[in-house]
Amino acid sequence: MNTQEYAKAYVGNRLNCTDCHLDGGLNPNAASFVGLAAVYPEYRPRSARVNTLADRVNECFERSLNGRALPPDSFKLQAVVAYITWLSRGVPSGATIPWRGLQRIDSRRPLDPGNGKNLFAGKCAFCHGSDGQGTMAAPTVWGPQSYTIAAGSGTGDGRCCLHQVEYAAWLGLEPVGR
């Protein structure tokens, strides 16, 4: 989970798995790992093929962590897959998992990025840093060491784990990793 310590050679930014998968992947509102092993193998339109759980973990390394895939036979990859499988115990194969993925932001009014900037300064900067480059308490949220556009959050499709839509609108104006 702490990719900066255990898999740094495979990570291209300053993020860890737990920056998206909060509470060790247990938080149902933040890309939970619970039950995920029960849905794989699964066809993924993004890759246009059936992916295994190990393939999906490597997609995260390549896209969200802006890095490279772990070798298929590596202890690191097998450990992540084993952890997700362990968290999924008791969930039947093929089950529908209602908490899967990221929740959509529902905004029925025009967003105000200016208000989002003020929200970030007042509520988020203490942990994420006023420049969004992260601190020991919270990850980088914009710039080359943050989430990439390929990660799937903040890409304009309404999926994000942010609770404030105006903050998300303002964040969308900031540069993301490559």
Foldseek 3Di string as FASTA:
>chain_A
DCCVPVPVQFFDFNDDPCLQCPPLQCDLQGQRLAQVQLAPQDQDPVVRGGDGVLRVVQVCSCAFRVGGRDPPPDPVSVVVSVVSVVNHPPRHRPDDDVSHDHDFDDDPDDAALVVLLVCCVVPPCVACNNVQCGDPRHHRLADQRGTHCRNPALVPPRGDSDPDVNVSVNSNVGHHHD
